Amino acid sequence: MQTGPEAESAPEANEFDLLILDLGLPKKSGLEVLKRLRARQSPLPVLILTSLNEVSDRIKGLNPGADDYLTEPFDLSELEARVRALVRCGMYGGPTLIMHCTLAYDQVGRVARLNGDAVDLSAREVSLLEIFLQRAGRLVSKDQLVNHLCEWGEGVSANAIEVYVHRLR
């Protein structure tokens, strides 16, 4: 994303663990993007990365809802540590139980219950259920599902996604 409008629309179309935001974006400032993100009540953690290093600049970035503020120049290992910390906080800062009709899903224990009874699901089925519940009411493409399910160099075909969806139904 290279412009403010692109940065503003990206979290609506995709799932991110963190937004690293530059305040000096063209067409719309990073600060305006942050304000709009928070106005939509988005819990997405935001790390401001900028050359503006005055105390007043940091206050202007943190008050509207940034979770952290890092000024240039910075050490890459510090950026990595801050990203890990913010993602960790984001994972456990939201609700741990998602309810949908008679289905309850515990995000921490990764246990699904239907009418109070535990549902036996594979790890991939649990991951798929989780993404559907977290994005309830929004379209999720097969590519997004593949990206969510693939880790550590594994691959999942589009046909496999259909099989997992069928099992969940």
N, C-alpha and C. Protein backbone atom coordinates (compact mmCIF):
# COMPACT_ATOMS: atom_id res chain seq x y z
N MET A 1 0.84 -1.16 0.00
CA MET A 1 0.00 0.00 0.00
C MET A 1 0.90 1.24 0.00
N GLN A 2 0.59 2.13 -0.89
CA GLN A 2 1.45 3.29 -1.02
C GLN A 2 0.75 4.61 -0.75
N THR A 3 -0.57 4.60 -0.67
CA THR A 3 -1.31 5.83 -0.42
C THR A 3 -2.24 5.65 0.79
N GLY A 4 -2.67 6.78 1.33
CA GLY A 4 -3.60 6.74 2.45
C GLY A 4 -4.89 5.99 2.14
N PRO A 5 -5.54 6.26 0.99
CA PRO A 5 -6.77 5.53 0.68
C PRO A 5 -6.55 4.01 0.56
N GLU A 6 -5.40 3.61 0.03
CA GLU A 6 -5.10 2.16 -0.05
C GLU A 6 -4.94 1.57 1.35
N ALA A 7 -4.24 2.29 2.22
CA ALA A 7 -4.04 1.82 3.59
C ALA A 7 -5.37 1.75 4.34
N GLU A 8 -6.26 2.69 4.05
CA GLU A 8 -7.56 2.72 4.74
C GLU A 8 -8.46 1.57 4.31
N SER A 9 -8.43 1.21 3.04
CA SER A 9 -9.34 0.16 2.55
C SER A 9 -8.79 -1.25 2.75
N ALA A 10 -7.49 -1.40 2.91
CA ALA A 10 -6.89 -2.75 3.00
C ALA A 10 -7.44 -3.59 4.16
N PRO A 11 -7.59 -3.05 5.39
CA PRO A 11 -8.11 -3.89 6.47
C PRO A 11 -9.56 -4.35 6.27
N GLU A 12 -10.30 -3.67 5.42
CA GLU A 12 -11.68 -4.09 5.14
C GLU A 12 -11.71 -5.28 4.20
N ALA A 13 -10.72 -5.36 3.30
CA ALA A 13 -10.70 -6.39 2.28
C ALA A 13 -9.88 -7.62 2.67
N ASN A 14 -8.96 -7.45 3.62
CA ASN A 14 -8.07 -8.53 4.01
C ASN A 14 -7.96 -8.60 5.52
N GLU A 15 -7.47 -9.74 6.01
CA GLU A 15 -7.24 -9.89 7.43
C GLU A 15 -5.76 -9.69 7.72
N PHE A 16 -5.46 -8.79 8.64
CA PHE A 16 -4.09 -8.52 9.03
C PHE A 16 -3.96 -8.69 10.53
N ASP A 17 -2.76 -9.06 10.98
CA ASP A 17 -2.48 -9.14 12.41
C ASP A 17 -2.03 -7.79 12.96
N LEU A 18 -1.54 -6.92 12.07
CA LEU A 18 -0.97 -5.66 12.49
C LEU A 18 -0.91 -4.71 11.31
N LEU A 19 -1.08 -3.42 11.58
CA LEU A 19 -0.90 -2.39 10.56
C LEU A 19 0.29 -1.53 10.96
N ILE A 20 1.32 -1.50 10.11
CA ILE A 20 2.44 -0.59 10.30
C ILE A 20 2.14 0.61 9.42
N LEU A 21 2.00 1.75 10.04
CA LEU A 21 1.46 2.93 9.37
C LEU A 21 2.45 4.07 9.35
N ASP A 22 2.70 4.62 8.17
CA ASP A 22 3.53 5.81 8.00
C ASP A 22 2.60 7.02 8.05
N LEU A 23 2.97 8.03 8.81
CA LEU A 23 2.13 9.23 8.91
C LEU A 23 2.18 10.08 7.65
N GLY A 24 3.23 9.94 6.85
CA GLY A 24 3.41 10.79 5.67
C GLY A 24 2.94 10.16 4.39
N LEU A 25 1.80 9.50 4.40
CA LEU A 25 1.27 8.88 3.18
C LEU A 25 0.70 9.94 2.24
N PRO A 26 0.85 9.74 0.93
CA PRO A 26 0.24 10.67 -0.02
C PRO A 26 -1.28 10.46 -0.12
N LYS A 27 -1.97 11.50 -0.50
CA LYS A 27 -3.42 11.54 -0.75
C LYS A 27 -4.28 11.53 0.51
N LYS A 28 -3.78 10.95 1.61
CA LYS A 28 -4.49 10.98 2.89
C LYS A 28 -3.45 10.64 3.95
N SER A 29 -3.37 11.46 4.97
CA SER A 29 -2.33 11.25 5.99
C SER A 29 -2.56 9.95 6.76
N GLY A 30 -1.48 9.40 7.26
CA GLY A 30 -1.57 8.21 8.09
C GLY A 30 -2.41 8.46 9.33
N LEU A 31 -2.34 9.67 9.84
CA LEU A 31 -3.13 10.02 11.02
C LEU A 31 -4.63 9.97 10.71
N GLU A 32 -5.02 10.43 9.52
CA GLU A 32 -6.43 10.35 9.12
C GLU A 32 -6.85 8.89 8.92
N VAL A 33 -5.97 8.08 8.36
CA VAL A 33 -6.25 6.65 8.20
C VAL A 33 -6.49 6.02 9.57
N LEU A 34 -5.64 6.34 10.54
CA LEU A 34 -5.77 5.81 11.90
C LEU A 34 -7.10 6.23 12.52
N LYS A 35 -7.46 7.50 12.38
CA LYS A 35 -8.71 8.00 12.96
C LYS A 35 -9.92 7.29 12.36
N ARG A 36 -9.90 7.06 11.05
CA ARG A 36 -11.02 6.36 10.40
C ARG A 36 -11.08 4.90 10.83
N LEU A 37 -9.91 4.27 10.97
CA LEU A 37 -9.84 2.88 11.41
C LEU A 37 -10.47 2.74 12.80
N ARG A 38 -10.12 3.65 13.69
CA ARG A 38 -10.66 3.59 15.05
C ARG A 38 -12.13 4.00 15.09
N ALA A 39 -12.55 4.88 14.19
CA ALA A 39 -13.97 5.25 14.12
C ALA A 39 -14.83 4.05 13.74
N ARG A 40 -14.24 3.11 12.97
CA ARG A 40 -14.94 1.87 12.59
C ARG A 40 -14.84 0.83 13.70
N GLN A 41 -14.23 1.19 14.82
CA GLN A 41 -14.07 0.32 15.98
C GLN A 41 -13.20 -0.90 15.67
N SER A 42 -12.25 -0.74 14.77
CA SER A 42 -11.35 -1.84 14.42
C SER A 42 -10.36 -2.08 15.56
N PRO A 43 -10.22 -3.34 16.00
CA PRO A 43 -9.26 -3.66 17.05
C PRO A 43 -7.85 -3.93 16.51
N LEU A 44 -7.65 -3.75 15.20
CA LEU A 44 -6.37 -4.04 14.57
C LEU A 44 -5.25 -3.24 15.25
N PRO A 45 -4.22 -3.92 15.76
CA PRO A 45 -3.11 -3.18 16.36
C PRO A 45 -2.40 -2.32 15.30
N VAL A 46 -2.02 -1.11 15.70
CA VAL A 46 -1.38 -0.16 14.78
C VAL A 46 -0.05 0.29 15.37
N LEU A 47 1.00 0.15 14.57
CA LEU A 47 2.33 0.65 14.91
C LEU A 47 2.65 1.78 13.94
N ILE A 48 2.83 2.97 14.47
CA ILE A 48 3.22 4.11 13.63
C ILE A 48 4.73 4.07 13.47
N LEU A 49 5.16 4.15 12.22
CA LEU A 49 6.58 4.16 11.89
C LEU A 49 6.83 5.44 11.10
N THR A 50 7.59 6.38 11.67
CA THR A 50 7.70 7.70 11.07
C THR A 50 9.01 8.38 11.44
N SER A 51 9.31 9.45 10.73
CA SER A 51 10.49 10.25 11.06
C SER A 51 10.13 11.38 12.03
N LEU A 52 8.84 11.58 12.30
CA LEU A 52 8.40 12.63 13.22
C LEU A 52 8.67 12.17 14.65
N ASN A 53 9.65 12.81 15.32
CA ASN A 53 10.08 12.28 16.60
C ASN A 53 9.92 13.22 17.79
N GLU A 54 9.18 14.29 17.62
CA GLU A 54 8.91 15.20 18.74
C GLU A 54 7.87 14.56 19.66
N VAL A 55 7.91 14.92 20.92
CA VAL A 55 6.93 14.40 21.88
C VAL A 55 5.51 14.73 21.42
N SER A 56 5.31 15.94 20.92
CA SER A 56 3.97 16.34 20.46
C SER A 56 3.51 15.46 19.29
N ASP A 57 4.45 15.05 18.41
CA ASP A 57 4.10 14.15 17.31
C ASP A 57 3.66 12.80 17.84
N ARG A 58 4.39 12.27 18.82
CA ARG A 58 4.04 10.96 19.40
C ARG A 58 2.67 11.02 20.06
N ILE A 59 2.39 12.11 20.76
CA ILE A 59 1.08 12.27 21.40
C ILE A 59 -0.02 12.31 20.35
N LYS A 60 0.22 13.05 19.25
CA LYS A 60 -0.77 13.13 18.16
C LYS A 60 -1.02 11.77 17.52
N GLY A 61 -0.06 10.88 17.55
CA GLY A 61 -0.24 9.55 16.98
C GLY A 61 -0.85 8.56 17.95
N LEU A 62 -0.48 8.67 19.21
CA LEU A 62 -0.98 7.70 20.20
C LEU A 62 -2.40 8.03 20.68
N ASN A 63 -2.73 9.30 20.83
CA ASN A 63 -4.05 9.66 21.33
C ASN A 63 -5.21 9.18 20.45
N PRO A 64 -5.11 9.23 19.12
CA PRO A 64 -6.23 8.74 18.30
C PRO A 64 -6.32 7.21 18.22
N GLY A 65 -5.36 6.49 18.83
CA GLY A 65 -5.53 5.05 18.88
C GLY A 65 -4.38 4.19 18.39
N ALA A 66 -3.21 4.75 18.11
CA ALA A 66 -2.07 3.91 17.75
C ALA A 66 -1.65 3.13 18.98
N ASP A 67 -1.20 1.91 18.78
CA ASP A 67 -0.78 1.07 19.90
C ASP A 67 0.70 1.25 20.22
N ASP A 68 1.47 1.71 19.25
CA ASP A 68 2.90 1.94 19.47
C ASP A 68 3.37 2.96 18.44
N TYR A 69 4.53 3.54 18.70
CA TYR A 69 5.06 4.63 17.86
C TYR A 69 6.57 4.46 17.83
N LEU A 70 7.12 4.29 16.65
CA LEU A 70 8.56 4.09 16.49
C LEU A 70 9.08 5.10 15.48
N THR A 71 10.17 5.80 15.85
CA THR A 71 10.71 6.82 14.97
C THR A 71 11.96 6.33 14.25
N GLU A 72 12.15 6.86 13.05
CA GLU A 72 13.34 6.56 12.26
C GLU A 72 14.47 7.46 12.73
N PRO A 73 15.70 7.04 12.68
CA PRO A 73 16.14 5.70 12.34
C PRO A 73 15.87 4.74 13.50
N PHE A 74 15.70 3.48 13.19
CA PHE A 74 15.43 2.48 14.20
C PHE A 74 16.24 1.23 13.87
N ASP A 75 16.43 0.40 14.85
CA ASP A 75 17.12 -0.86 14.67
C ASP A 75 16.07 -1.90 14.25
N LEU A 76 16.37 -2.68 13.22
CA LEU A 76 15.42 -3.67 12.71
C LEU A 76 14.99 -4.66 13.79
N SER A 77 15.91 -5.03 14.67
CA SER A 77 15.55 -5.98 15.73
C SER A 77 14.54 -5.36 16.70
N GLU A 78 14.61 -4.05 16.92
CA GLU A 78 13.61 -3.40 17.77
C GLU A 78 12.25 -3.41 17.09
N LEU A 79 12.22 -3.12 15.78
CA LEU A 79 10.95 -3.18 15.05
C LEU A 79 10.35 -4.57 15.14
N GLU A 80 11.16 -5.60 14.92
CA GLU A 80 10.67 -6.98 15.00
C GLU A 80 10.11 -7.29 16.39
N ALA A 81 10.80 -6.86 17.43
CA ALA A 81 10.33 -7.12 18.80
C ALA A 81 9.01 -6.41 19.07
N ARG A 82 8.88 -5.18 18.60
CA ARG A 82 7.63 -4.44 18.80
C ARG A 82 6.47 -5.09 18.02
N VAL A 83 6.75 -5.55 16.82
CA VAL A 83 5.73 -6.24 16.02
C VAL A 83 5.27 -7.50 16.75
N ARG A 84 6.21 -8.30 17.22
CA ARG A 84 5.83 -9.52 17.95
C ARG A 84 4.99 -9.20 19.18
N ALA A 85 5.37 -8.17 19.92
CA ALA A 85 4.63 -7.79 21.13
C ALA A 85 3.21 -7.35 20.79
N LEU A 86 3.06 -6.53 19.75
CA LEU A 86 1.72 -6.05 19.38
C LEU A 86 0.84 -7.17 18.86
N VAL A 87 1.40 -8.08 18.09
CA VAL A 87 0.62 -9.20 17.57
C VAL A 87 0.19 -10.10 18.73
N ARG A 88 1.10 -10.31 19.68
CA ARG A 88 0.77 -11.12 20.86
C ARG A 88 -0.38 -10.49 21.62
N CYS A 89 -0.32 -9.18 21.84
CA CYS A 89 -1.40 -8.48 22.56
C CYS A 89 -2.70 -8.55 21.78
N GLY A 90 -2.62 -8.41 20.46
CA GLY A 90 -3.82 -8.46 19.62
C GLY A 90 -4.50 -9.81 19.65
N MET A 91 -3.71 -10.87 19.77
CA MET A 91 -4.28 -12.22 19.79
C MET A 91 -5.12 -12.47 21.03
N TYR A 92 -4.70 -11.88 22.14
CA TYR A 92 -5.39 -12.18 23.40
C TYR A 92 -6.20 -11.01 23.93
N GLY A 93 -6.22 -9.90 23.18
CA GLY A 93 -6.93 -8.72 23.66
C GLY A 93 -8.40 -8.71 23.33
N GLY A 94 -8.82 -9.52 22.38
CA GLY A 94 -10.21 -9.53 21.95
C GLY A 94 -11.02 -10.57 22.71
N PRO A 95 -12.27 -10.72 22.32
CA PRO A 95 -13.11 -11.72 22.98
C PRO A 95 -12.59 -13.12 22.72
N THR A 96 -12.67 -13.97 23.72
CA THR A 96 -12.16 -15.33 23.55
C THR A 96 -13.25 -16.30 23.11
N LEU A 97 -14.51 -15.93 23.29
CA LEU A 97 -15.61 -16.81 22.91
C LEU A 97 -16.43 -16.14 21.82
N ILE A 98 -16.59 -16.84 20.70
CA ILE A 98 -17.42 -16.34 19.60
C ILE A 98 -18.67 -17.20 19.55
N MET A 99 -19.82 -16.54 19.55
CA MET A 99 -21.10 -17.25 19.48
C MET A 99 -21.75 -17.00 18.13
N HIS A 100 -22.32 -18.05 17.55
CA HIS A 100 -23.09 -17.93 16.32
C HIS A 100 -24.21 -18.96 16.39
N CYS A 101 -25.42 -18.47 16.57
CA CYS A 101 -26.59 -19.33 16.77
C CYS A 101 -26.30 -20.31 17.91
N THR A 102 -26.31 -21.62 17.65
CA THR A 102 -26.06 -22.60 18.71
C THR A 102 -24.61 -23.07 18.75
N LEU A 103 -23.76 -22.39 18.00
CA LEU A 103 -22.34 -22.73 17.96
C LEU A 103 -21.55 -21.77 18.84
N ALA A 104 -20.71 -22.31 19.70
CA ALA A 104 -19.81 -21.51 20.53
C ALA A 104 -18.39 -21.96 20.21
N TYR A 105 -17.51 -20.96 19.98
CA TYR A 105 -16.13 -21.29 19.67
C TYR A 105 -15.20 -20.54 20.61
N ASP A 106 -14.38 -21.29 21.34
CA ASP A 106 -13.39 -20.73 22.26
C ASP A 106 -12.08 -20.56 21.49
N GLN A 107 -11.68 -19.29 21.24
CA GLN A 107 -10.49 -19.01 20.44
C GLN A 107 -9.19 -19.38 21.14
N VAL A 108 -9.18 -19.34 22.45
CA VAL A 108 -7.96 -19.69 23.18
C VAL A 108 -7.78 -21.20 23.21
N GLY A 109 -8.81 -21.91 23.62
CA GLY A 109 -8.73 -23.38 23.68
C GLY A 109 -8.94 -24.05 22.33
N ARG A 110 -9.41 -23.26 21.35
CA ARG A 110 -9.70 -23.75 20.00
C ARG A 110 -10.66 -24.95 20.02
N VAL A 111 -11.74 -24.77 20.80
CA VAL A 111 -12.76 -25.81 20.94
C VAL A 111 -14.09 -25.24 20.46
N ALA A 112 -14.75 -26.01 19.60
CA ALA A 112 -16.08 -25.64 19.11
C ALA A 112 -17.12 -26.51 19.81
N ARG A 113 -18.23 -25.88 20.18
CA ARG A 113 -19.34 -26.62 20.81
C ARG A 113 -20.62 -26.28 20.07
N LEU A 114 -21.36 -27.30 19.73
CA LEU A 114 -22.65 -27.14 19.08
C LEU A 114 -23.71 -27.64 20.04
N ASN A 115 -24.63 -26.77 20.44
CA ASN A 115 -25.64 -27.08 21.44
C ASN A 115 -25.00 -27.59 22.73
N GLY A 116 -23.82 -27.08 23.07
CA GLY A 116 -23.13 -27.45 24.30
C GLY A 116 -22.22 -28.66 24.19
N ASP A 117 -22.32 -29.41 23.09
CA ASP A 117 -21.49 -30.60 22.91
C ASP A 117 -20.26 -30.27 22.07
N ALA A 118 -19.10 -30.77 22.52
CA ALA A 118 -17.85 -30.54 21.78
C ALA A 118 -17.94 -31.17 20.40
N VAL A 119 -17.41 -30.45 19.41
CA VAL A 119 -17.40 -30.93 18.02
C VAL A 119 -15.98 -31.38 17.70
N ASP A 120 -15.86 -32.61 17.19
CA ASP A 120 -14.55 -33.17 16.84
C ASP A 120 -14.14 -32.66 15.47
N LEU A 121 -13.12 -31.78 15.45
CA LEU A 121 -12.65 -31.18 14.20
C LEU A 121 -11.14 -31.34 14.08
N SER A 122 -10.68 -31.48 12.85
CA SER A 122 -9.24 -31.50 12.61
C SER A 122 -8.67 -30.09 12.80
N ALA A 123 -7.36 -29.98 12.87
CA ALA A 123 -6.72 -28.67 13.05
C ALA A 123 -7.09 -27.72 11.92
N ARG A 124 -7.09 -28.22 10.69
CA ARG A 124 -7.44 -27.35 9.56
C ARG A 124 -8.91 -26.96 9.59
N GLU A 125 -9.77 -27.86 10.00
CA GLU A 125 -11.19 -27.52 10.11
C GLU A 125 -11.41 -26.45 11.18
N VAL A 126 -10.68 -26.56 12.28
CA VAL A 126 -10.78 -25.54 13.34
C VAL A 126 -10.32 -24.19 12.80
N SER A 127 -9.20 -24.18 12.07
CA SER A 127 -8.69 -22.93 11.50
C SER A 127 -9.69 -22.32 10.52
N LEU A 128 -10.31 -23.15 9.73
CA LEU A 128 -11.31 -22.68 8.77
C LEU A 128 -12.54 -22.13 9.50
N LEU A 129 -13.01 -22.84 10.50
CA LEU A 129 -14.14 -22.37 11.30
C LEU A 129 -13.81 -21.02 11.93
N GLU A 130 -12.60 -20.91 12.43
CA GLU A 130 -12.18 -19.67 13.08
C GLU A 130 -12.24 -18.48 12.12
N ILE A 131 -11.73 -18.66 10.91
CA ILE A 131 -11.76 -17.55 9.96
C ILE A 131 -13.19 -17.20 9.56
N PHE A 132 -14.05 -18.19 9.42
CA PHE A 132 -15.45 -17.90 9.08
C PHE A 132 -16.13 -17.13 10.21
N LEU A 133 -15.90 -17.53 11.44
CA LEU A 133 -16.53 -16.85 12.57
C LEU A 133 -15.99 -15.45 12.78
N GLN A 134 -14.69 -15.27 12.58
CA GLN A 134 -14.09 -13.94 12.74
C GLN A 134 -14.52 -12.99 11.64
N ARG A 135 -14.91 -13.52 10.50
CA ARG A 135 -15.33 -12.68 9.38
C ARG A 135 -16.81 -12.87 9.06
N ALA A 136 -17.59 -13.20 10.02
CA ALA A 136 -19.02 -13.43 9.81
C ALA A 136 -19.64 -12.24 9.10
N GLY A 137 -20.41 -12.51 8.06
CA GLY A 137 -21.08 -11.47 7.31
C GLY A 137 -20.25 -10.87 6.20
N ARG A 138 -18.99 -11.30 6.05
CA ARG A 138 -18.12 -10.79 4.99
C ARG A 138 -17.74 -11.93 4.06
N LEU A 139 -17.50 -11.59 2.82
CA LEU A 139 -17.04 -12.59 1.86
C LEU A 139 -15.59 -12.95 2.13
N VAL A 140 -15.29 -14.23 1.99
CA VAL A 140 -13.93 -14.72 2.15
C VAL A 140 -13.60 -15.53 0.91
N SER A 141 -12.57 -15.11 0.19
CA SER A 141 -12.21 -15.81 -1.04
C SER A 141 -11.45 -17.10 -0.74
N LYS A 142 -11.39 -17.99 -1.72
CA LYS A 142 -10.62 -19.22 -1.55
C LYS A 142 -9.14 -18.90 -1.33
N ASP A 143 -8.65 -17.88 -2.02
CA ASP A 143 -7.24 -17.49 -1.84
C ASP A 143 -6.98 -17.06 -0.40
N GLN A 144 -7.91 -16.32 0.19
CA GLN A 144 -7.74 -15.91 1.58
C GLN A 144 -7.75 -17.12 2.50
N LEU A 145 -8.62 -18.07 2.21
CA LEU A 145 -8.67 -19.28 3.02
C LEU A 145 -7.38 -20.08 2.90
N VAL A 146 -6.87 -20.21 1.68
CA VAL A 146 -5.62 -20.92 1.47
C VAL A 146 -4.50 -20.23 2.24
N ASN A 147 -4.42 -18.91 2.15
CA ASN A 147 -3.38 -18.17 2.87
C ASN A 147 -3.50 -18.33 4.38
N HIS A 148 -4.72 -18.41 4.87
CA HIS A 148 -4.94 -18.57 6.31
C HIS A 148 -4.55 -19.97 6.77
N LEU A 149 -4.79 -20.96 5.94
CA LEU A 149 -4.54 -22.35 6.34
C LEU A 149 -3.11 -22.80 6.12
N CYS A 150 -2.38 -22.14 5.24
CA CYS A 150 -1.02 -22.57 4.92
C CYS A 150 -0.01 -21.93 5.85
N GLU A 151 0.80 -22.78 6.44
CA GLU A 151 1.88 -22.31 7.29
C GLU A 151 3.09 -23.19 7.06
N TRP A 152 4.26 -22.61 7.31
CA TRP A 152 5.51 -23.35 7.27
C TRP A 152 5.74 -24.04 5.94
N GLY A 153 5.38 -23.39 4.85
CA GLY A 153 5.68 -23.91 3.53
C GLY A 153 4.71 -24.97 3.04
N GLU A 154 3.67 -25.26 3.80
CA GLU A 154 2.68 -26.24 3.36
C GLU A 154 1.81 -25.64 2.27
N GLY A 155 1.15 -26.50 1.55
CA GLY A 155 0.23 -26.03 0.53
C GLY A 155 -1.14 -26.67 0.72
N VAL A 156 -2.18 -25.94 0.39
CA VAL A 156 -3.55 -26.45 0.44
C VAL A 156 -4.18 -26.08 -0.89
N SER A 157 -4.73 -27.05 -1.58
CA SER A 157 -5.35 -26.78 -2.88
C SER A 157 -6.75 -26.20 -2.68
N ALA A 158 -7.24 -25.57 -3.72
CA ALA A 158 -8.60 -25.02 -3.68
C ALA A 158 -9.62 -26.15 -3.49
N ASN A 159 -9.35 -27.31 -4.06
CA ASN A 159 -10.26 -28.46 -3.88
C ASN A 159 -10.28 -28.92 -2.43
N ALA A 160 -9.13 -28.89 -1.77
CA ALA A 160 -9.08 -29.28 -0.36
C ALA A 160 -9.93 -28.33 0.48
N ILE A 161 -9.92 -27.05 0.12
CA ILE A 161 -10.74 -26.06 0.84
C ILE A 161 -12.21 -26.46 0.75
N GLU A 162 -12.65 -26.87 -0.43
CA GLU A 162 -14.04 -27.29 -0.60
C GLU A 162 -14.36 -28.50 0.27
N VAL A 163 -13.43 -29.42 0.40
CA VAL A 163 -13.63 -30.60 1.24
C VAL A 163 -13.79 -30.17 2.70
N TYR A 164 -12.92 -29.28 3.18
CA TYR A 164 -13.00 -28.81 4.56
C TYR A 164 -14.31 -28.07 4.82
N VAL A 165 -14.73 -27.26 3.87
CA VAL A 165 -16.00 -26.54 4.02
C VAL A 165 -17.16 -27.52 4.09
N HIS A 166 -17.13 -28.53 3.24
CA HIS A 166 -18.18 -29.55 3.24
C HIS A 166 -18.25 -30.25 4.60
N ARG A 167 -17.10 -30.58 5.18
CA ARG A 167 -17.06 -31.25 6.48
C ARG A 167 -17.63 -30.35 7.57
N LEU A 168 -17.31 -29.06 7.49
CA LEU A 168 -17.83 -28.14 8.50
C LEU A 168 -19.35 -28.02 8.45
N ARG A 169 -19.89 -28.09 7.27
CA ARG A 169 -21.36 -27.99 7.16
C ARG A 169 -22.02 -29.15 7.84
